PDB file of N, CA and C in Angstrom:
ATOM      1  N   MET A   1      23.538  25.594  21.834  1.00  0.00           N
ATOM      2  CA  MET A   1      22.965  25.854  20.529  1.00  0.00           C
ATOM      3  C   MET A   1      23.812  25.226  19.421  1.00  0.00           C
ATOM      4  N   VAL A   2      25.123  25.376  19.569  1.00  0.00           N
ATOM      5  CA  VAL A   2      26.009  24.807  18.548  1.00  0.00           C
ATOM      6  C   VAL A   2      25.840  23.294  18.494  1.00  0.00           C
ATOM      7  N   GLY A   3      25.759  22.675  19.653  1.00  0.00           N
ATOM      8  CA  GLY A   3      25.564  21.227  19.698  1.00  0.00           C
ATOM      9  C   GLY A   3      24.256  20.807  19.060  1.00  0.00           C
ATOM     10  N   TRP A   4      23.203  21.571  19.320  1.00  0.00           N
ATOM     11  CA  TRP A   4      21.910  21.260  18.705  1.00  0.00           C
ATOM     12  C   TRP A   4      21.971  21.387  17.195  1.00  0.00           C
ATOM     13  N   MET A   5      22.640  22.441  16.718  1.00  0.00           N
ATOM     14  CA  MET A   5      22.738  22.623  15.260  1.00  0.00           C
ATOM     15  C   MET A   5      23.580  21.516  14.633  1.00  0.00           C
ATOM     16  N   LEU A   6      24.634  21.101  15.325  1.00  0.00           N
ATOM     17  CA  LEU A   6      25.437  19.986  14.811  1.00  0.00           C
ATOM     18  C   LEU A   6      24.624  18.691  14.794  1.00  0.00           C
ATOM     19  N   ALA A   7      23.866  18.458  15.849  1.00  0.00           N
ATOM     20  CA  ALA A   7      23.027  17.257  15.895  1.00  0.00           C
ATOM     21  C   ALA A   7      21.966  17.297  14.806  1.00  0.00           C
ATOM     22  N   PHE A   8      21.400  18.478  14.583  1.00  0.00           N
ATOM     23  CA  PHE A   8      20.408  18.631  13.513  1.00  0.00           C
ATOM     24  C   PHE A   8      21.029  18.321  12.150  1.00  0.00           C
ATOM     25  N   GLY A   9      22.296  18.688  11.976  1.00  0.00           N
ATOM     26  CA  GLY A   9      22.984  18.419  10.718  1.00  0.00           C
ATOM     27  C   GLY A   9      23.463  16.985  10.582  1.00  0.00           C
ATOM     28  N   GLY A  10      23.333  16.191  11.633  1.00  0.00           N
ATOM     29  CA  GLY A  10      23.732  14.797  11.548  1.00  0.00           C
ATOM     30  C   GLY A  10      25.174  14.534  11.940  1.00  0.00           C
ATOM     31  N   TYR A  11      25.795  15.451  12.667  1.00  0.00           N
ATOM     32  CA  TYR A  11      27.179  15.275  13.088  1.00  0.00           C
ATOM     33  C   TYR A  11      27.251  14.274  14.237  1.00  0.00           C
ATOM     34  N   VAL A  12      28.173  13.331  14.129  1.00  0.00           N
ATOM     35  CA  VAL A  12      28.432  12.366  15.191  1.00  0.00           C
ATOM     36  C   VAL A  12      29.920  12.447  15.491  1.00  0.00           C
ATOM     37  N   GLY A  13      30.260  12.839  16.722  1.00  0.00           N
ATOM     38  CA  GLY A  13      31.659  13.008  17.092  1.00  0.00           C
ATOM     39  C   GLY A  13      32.416  11.700  17.121  1.00  0.00           C
ATOM     40  N   GLY A  14      33.713  11.758  16.852  1.00  0.00           N
ATOM     41  CA  GLY A  14      34.568  10.589  16.928  1.00  0.00           C
ATOM     42  C   GLY A  14      34.634   9.772  15.662  1.00  0.00           C
ATOM     43  N   GLN A  15      33.909  10.153  14.647  1.00  0.00           N
ATOM     44  CA  GLN A  15      33.962   9.400  13.396  1.00  0.00           C
ATOM     45  C   GLN A  15      35.138   9.879  12.557  1.00  0.00           C
ATOM     46  N   GLU A  16      35.626   8.993  11.722  1.00  0.00           N
ATOM     47  CA  GLU A  16      36.747   9.350  10.855  1.00  0.00           C
ATOM     48  C   GLU A  16      36.299  10.300   9.737  1.00  0.00           C
ATOM     49  N   HIS A  17      35.107  10.076   9.223  1.00  0.00           N
ATOM     50  CA  HIS A  17      34.572  10.914   8.157  1.00  0.00           C
ATOM     51  C   HIS A  17      33.230  11.469   8.609  1.00  0.00           C
ATOM     52  N   ILE A  18      32.927  12.673   8.151  1.00  0.00           N
ATOM     53  CA  ILE A  18      31.627  13.251   8.489  1.00  0.00           C
ATOM     54  C   ILE A  18      30.761  13.284   7.233  1.00  0.00           C
ATOM     55  N   THR A  19      29.465  13.300   7.453  1.00  0.00           N
ATOM     56  CA  THR A  19      28.532  13.293   6.326  1.00  0.00           C
ATOM     57  C   THR A  19      28.479  14.667   5.678  1.00  0.00           C
ATOM     58  N   ASN A  20      27.937  14.688   4.465  1.00  0.00           N
ATOM     59  CA  ASN A  20      27.797  15.966   3.760  1.00  0.00           C
ATOM     60  C   ASN A  20      26.841  16.903   4.477  1.00  0.00           C
ATOM     61  N   SER A  21      25.792  16.361   5.095  1.00  0.00           N
ATOM     62  CA  SER A  21      24.858  17.227   5.810  1.00  0.00           C
ATOM     63  C   SER A  21      25.522  17.833   7.042  1.00  0.00           C
ATOM     64  N   ALA A  22      26.386  17.083   7.720  1.00  0.00           N
ATOM     65  CA  ALA A  22      27.117  17.626   8.867  1.00  0.00           C
ATOM     66  C   ALA A  22      28.089  18.702   8.410  1.00  0.00           C
ATOM     67  N   ARG A  23      28.745  18.458   7.298  1.00  0.00           N
ATOM     68  CA  ARG A  23      29.676  19.447   6.749  1.00  0.00           C
ATOM     69  C   ARG A  23      28.924  20.727   6.358  1.00  0.00           C
ATOM     70  N   SER A  24      27.754  20.563   5.784  1.00  0.00           N
ATOM     71  CA  SER A  24      26.943  21.721   5.397  1.00  0.00           C
ATOM     72  C   SER A  24      26.471  22.506   6.608  1.00  0.00           C
ATOM     73  N   SER A  25      26.100  21.798   7.672  1.00  0.00           N
ATOM     74  CA  SER A  25      25.656  22.507   8.876  1.00  0.00           C
ATOM     75  C   SER A  25      26.809  23.276   9.516  1.00  0.00           C
ATOM     76  N   ILE A  26      28.007  22.729   9.484  1.00  0.00           N
ATOM     77  CA  ILE A  26      29.175  23.428  10.021  1.00  0.00           C
ATOM     78  C   ILE A  26      29.478  24.660   9.185  1.00  0.00           C
ATOM     79  N   LEU A  27      29.440  24.523   7.872  1.00  0.00           N
ATOM     80  CA  LEU A  27      29.674  25.679   7.007  1.00  0.00           C
ATOM     81  C   LEU A  27      28.628  26.760   7.238  1.00  0.00           C
ATOM     82  N   PHE A  28      27.379  26.360   7.387  1.00  0.00           N
ATOM     83  CA  PHE A  28      26.320  27.335   7.617  1.00  0.00           C
ATOM     84  C   PHE A  28      26.537  28.069   8.929  1.00  0.00           C
ATOM     85  N   MET A  29      26.869  27.333   9.988  1.00  0.00           N
ATOM     86  CA  MET A  29      27.027  27.949  11.309  1.00  0.00           C
ATOM     87  C   MET A  29      28.195  28.922  11.374  1.00  0.00           C
ATOM     88  N   TYR A  30      29.279  28.604  10.723  1.00  0.00           N
ATOM     89  CA  TYR A  30      30.488  29.398  10.890  1.00  0.00           C
ATOM     90  C   TYR A  30      30.815  30.321   9.724  1.00  0.00           C
ATOM     91  N   ILE A  31      30.072  30.225   8.628  1.00  0.00           N
ATOM     92  CA  ILE A  31      30.318  31.124   7.499  1.00  0.00           C
ATOM     93  C   ILE A  31      29.053  31.906   7.154  1.00  0.00           C
ATOM     94  N   TYR A  32      27.993  31.204   6.805  1.00  0.00           N
ATOM     95  CA  TYR A  32      26.808  31.875   6.277  1.00  0.00           C
ATOM     96  C   TYR A  32      25.972  32.552   7.359  1.00  0.00           C
ATOM     97  N   LEU A  33      25.811  31.929   8.508  1.00  0.00           N
ATOM     98  CA  LEU A  33      25.027  32.526   9.582  1.00  0.00           C
ATOM     99  C   LEU A  33      25.639  33.844  10.075  1.00  0.00           C
ATOM    100  N   PRO A  34      26.963  33.929  10.308  1.00  0.00           N
ATOM    101  CA  PRO A  34      27.527  35.223  10.690  1.00  0.00           C
ATOM    102  C   PRO A  34      27.364  36.299   9.612  1.00  0.00           C
ATOM    103  N   ILE A  35      27.447  35.911   8.342  1.00  0.00           N
ATOM    104  CA  ILE A  35      27.247  36.879   7.263  1.00  0.00           C
ATOM    105  C   ILE A  35      25.819  37.391   7.286  1.00  0.00           C
ATOM    106  N   ILE A  36      24.858  36.493   7.443  1.00  0.00           N
ATOM    107  CA  ILE A  36      23.442  36.886   7.475  1.00  0.00           C
ATOM    108  C   ILE A  36      23.170  37.794   8.663  1.00  0.00           C
ATOM    109  N   LEU A  37      23.673  37.416   9.844  1.00  0.00           N
ATOM    110  CA  LEU A  37      23.444  38.223  11.035  1.00  0.00           C
ATOM    111  C   LEU A  37      24.119  39.592  10.944  1.00  0.00           C
ATOM    112  N   SER A  38      25.303  39.650  10.371  1.00  0.00           N
ATOM    113  CA  SER A  38      25.988  40.933  10.199  1.00  0.00           C
ATOM    114  C   SER A  38      25.220  41.840   9.248  1.00  0.00           C
ATOM    115  N   ALA A  39      24.730  41.291   8.155  1.00  0.00           N
ATOM    116  CA  ALA A  39      23.942  42.089   7.214  1.00  0.00           C
ATOM    117  C   ALA A  39      22.664  42.583   7.875  1.00  0.00           C
ATOM    118  N   LEU A  40      22.032  41.749   8.676  1.00  0.00           N
ATOM    119  CA  LEU A  40      20.825  42.152   9.392  1.00  0.00           C
ATOM    120  C   LEU A  40      21.125  43.271  10.381  1.00  0.00           C
ATOM    121  N   MET A  41      22.237  43.181  11.095  1.00  0.00           N
ATOM    122  CA  MET A  41      22.619  44.244  12.028  1.00  0.00           C
ATOM    123  C   MET A  41      22.884  45.547  11.294  1.00  0.00           C
ATOM    124  N   ILE A  42      23.514  45.500  10.134  1.00  0.00           N
ATOM    125  CA  ILE A  42      23.790  46.705   9.362  1.00  0.00           C
ATOM    126  C   ILE A  42      22.489  47.366   8.942  1.00  0.00           C
ATOM    127  N   VAL A  43      21.526  46.582   8.489  1.00  0.00           N
ATOM    128  CA  VAL A  43      20.232  47.130   8.079  1.00  0.00           C
ATOM    129  C   VAL A  43      19.516  47.764   9.267  1.00  0.00           C
ATOM    130  N   ILE A  44      19.519  47.078  10.406  1.00  0.00           N
ATOM    131  CA  ILE A  44      18.853  47.617  11.592  1.00  0.00           C
ATOM    132  C   ILE A  44      19.535  48.904  12.051  1.00  0.00           C
ATOM    133  N   LEU A  45      20.849  48.923  12.090  1.00  0.00           N
ATOM    134  CA  LEU A  45      21.562  50.117  12.531  1.00  0.00           C
ATOM    135  C   LEU A  45      21.433  51.272  11.543  1.00  0.00           C
ATOM    136  N   TYR A  46      21.206  50.979  10.279  1.00  0.00           N
ATOM    137  CA  TYR A  46      21.003  52.038   9.297  1.00  0.00           C
ATOM    138  C   TYR A  46      19.755  52.844   9.625  1.00  0.00           C
ATOM    139  N   PHE A  47      18.725  52.174  10.106  1.00  0.00           N
ATOM    140  CA  PHE A  47      17.475  52.858  10.422  1.00  0.00           C
ATOM    141  C   PHE A  47      17.434  53.406  11.847  1.00  0.00           C
ATOM    142  N   TYR A  48      18.454  53.168  12.656  1.00  0.00           N
ATOM    143  CA  TYR A  48      18.511  53.653  14.020  1.00  0.00           C
ATOM    144  C   TYR A  48      19.146  55.030  13.998  1.00  0.00           C
ATOM    145  N   ARG A  49      18.346  56.052  14.182  1.00  0.00           N
ATOM    146  CA  ARG A  49      18.795  57.431  14.017  1.00  0.00           C
ATOM    147  C   ARG A  49      19.069  58.114  15.359  1.00  0.00           C
ATOM    148  N   LEU A  50      20.101  57.666  16.046  1.00  0.00           N
ATOM    149  CA  LEU A  50      20.458  58.269  17.318  1.00  0.00           C
ATOM    150  C   LEU A  50      21.054  59.658  17.125  1.00  0.00           C
ATOM    151  N   ASP A  51      21.717  59.904  16.003  1.00  0.00           N
ATOM    152  CA  ASP A  51      22.325  61.210  15.770  1.00  0.00           C
ATOM    153  C   ASP A  51      21.292  62.331  15.790  1.00  0.00           C
ATOM    154  N   LYS A  52      20.105  62.074  15.295  1.00  0.00           N
ATOM    155  CA  LYS A  52      19.057  63.085  15.299  1.00  0.00           C
ATOM    156  C   LYS A  52      18.512  63.307  16.698  1.00  0.00           C
ATOM    157  N   GLN A  53      18.468  62.275  17.512  1.00  0.00           N
ATOM    158  CA  GLN A  53      17.895  62.359  18.846  1.00  0.00           C
ATOM    159  C   GLN A  53      18.910  62.814  19.893  1.00  0.00           C
ATOM    160  N   PHE A  54      20.179  62.701  19.617  1.00  0.00           N
ATOM    161  CA  PHE A  54      21.216  62.974  20.604  1.00  0.00           C
ATOM    162  C   PHE A  54      21.143  64.379  21.184  1.00  0.00           C
ATOM    163  N   PRO A  55      21.023  65.456  20.394  1.00  0.00           N
ATOM    164  CA  PRO A  55      20.945  66.794  20.999  1.00  0.00           C
ATOM    165  C   PRO A  55      19.757  66.945  21.959  1.00  0.00           C
ATOM    166  N   GLN A  56      18.627  66.380  21.617  1.00  0.00           N
ATOM    167  CA  GLN A  56      17.459  66.459  22.492  1.00  0.00           C
ATOM    168  C   GLN A  56      17.710  65.685  23.798  1.00  0.00           C
ATOM    169  N   ILE A  57      18.358  64.549  23.706  1.00  0.00           N
ATOM    170  CA  ILE A  57      18.666  63.753  24.898  1.00  0.00           C
ATOM    171  C   ILE A  57      19.606  64.513  25.824  1.00  0.00           C
ATOM    172  N   VAL A  58      20.635  65.124  25.255  1.00  0.00           N
ATOM    173  CA  VAL A  58      21.590  65.890  26.057  1.00  0.00           C
ATOM    174  C   VAL A  58      20.892  67.078  26.717  1.00  0.00           C
ATOM    175  N   LYS A  59      20.025  67.743  25.978  1.00  0.00           N
ATOM    176  CA  LYS A  59      19.294  68.889  26.526  1.00  0.00           C
ATOM    177  C   LYS A  59      18.416  68.460  27.701  1.00  0.00           C
ATOM    178  N   GLU A  60      17.711  67.365  27.559  1.00  0.00           N
ATOM    179  CA  GLU A  60      16.871  66.856  28.645  1.00  0.00           C
ATOM    180  C   GLU A  60      17.684  66.451  29.855  1.00  0.00           C
ATOM    181  N   LEU A  61      18.834  65.853  29.640  1.00  0.00           N
ATOM    182  CA  LEU A  61      19.714  65.470  30.751  1.00  0.00           C
ATOM    183  C   LEU A  61      20.239  66.688  31.487  1.00  0.00           C
ATOM    184  N   GLU A  62      20.597  67.710  30.744  1.00  0.00           N
ATOM    185  CA  GLU A  62      21.081  68.954  31.375  1.00  0.00           C
ATOM    186  C   GLU A  62      19.984  69.618  32.177  1.00  0.00           C
ATOM    187  N   GLU A  63      18.747  69.586  31.662  1.00  0.00           N
ATOM    188  CA  GLU A  63      17.633  70.189  32.378  1.00  0.00           C
ATOM    189  C   GLU A  63      17.361  69.448  33.686  1.00  0.00           C
ATOM    190  N   THR A  64      17.404  68.126  33.658  1.00  0.00           N
ATOM    191  CA  THR A  64      17.162  67.377  34.898  1.00  0.00           C
ATOM    192  C   THR A  64      18.326  67.508  35.874  1.00  0.00           C
ATOM    193  N   LYS A  65      19.528  67.708  35.363  1.00  0.00           N
ATOM    194  CA  LYS A  65      20.703  67.879  36.201  1.00  0.00           C
ATOM    195  C   LYS A  65      20.647  69.213  36.928  1.00  0.00           C
ATOM    196  N   ASN A  66      20.119  70.251  36.269  1.00  0.00           N
ATOM    197  CA  ASN A  66      20.069  71.595  36.849  1.00  0.00           C
ATOM    198  C   ASN A  66      18.880  71.784  37.784  1.00  0.00           C
ATOM    199  N   MET A  67      18.011  70.831  37.911  1.00  0.00           N
ATOM    200  CA  MET A  67      16.843  70.976  38.786  1.00  0.00           C
ATOM    201  C   MET A  67      17.181  70.808  40.210  1.00  0.00           C
TER     202      MET A  67
END
């Protein structure tokens, strides 16, 4: 995936200088993309309410264990 994104940005290995589009694709992959994905994970986990379901899950597990 990283290679594809670098190729999409116009990166060519072994060159002395890289293009601005290659530099932008590298910055996006290693700075902006992780920030975006982390923010998305925080939003998703905010709405994931395991704390409310946990007592019911434990109760069901205990009931099946005692059968």
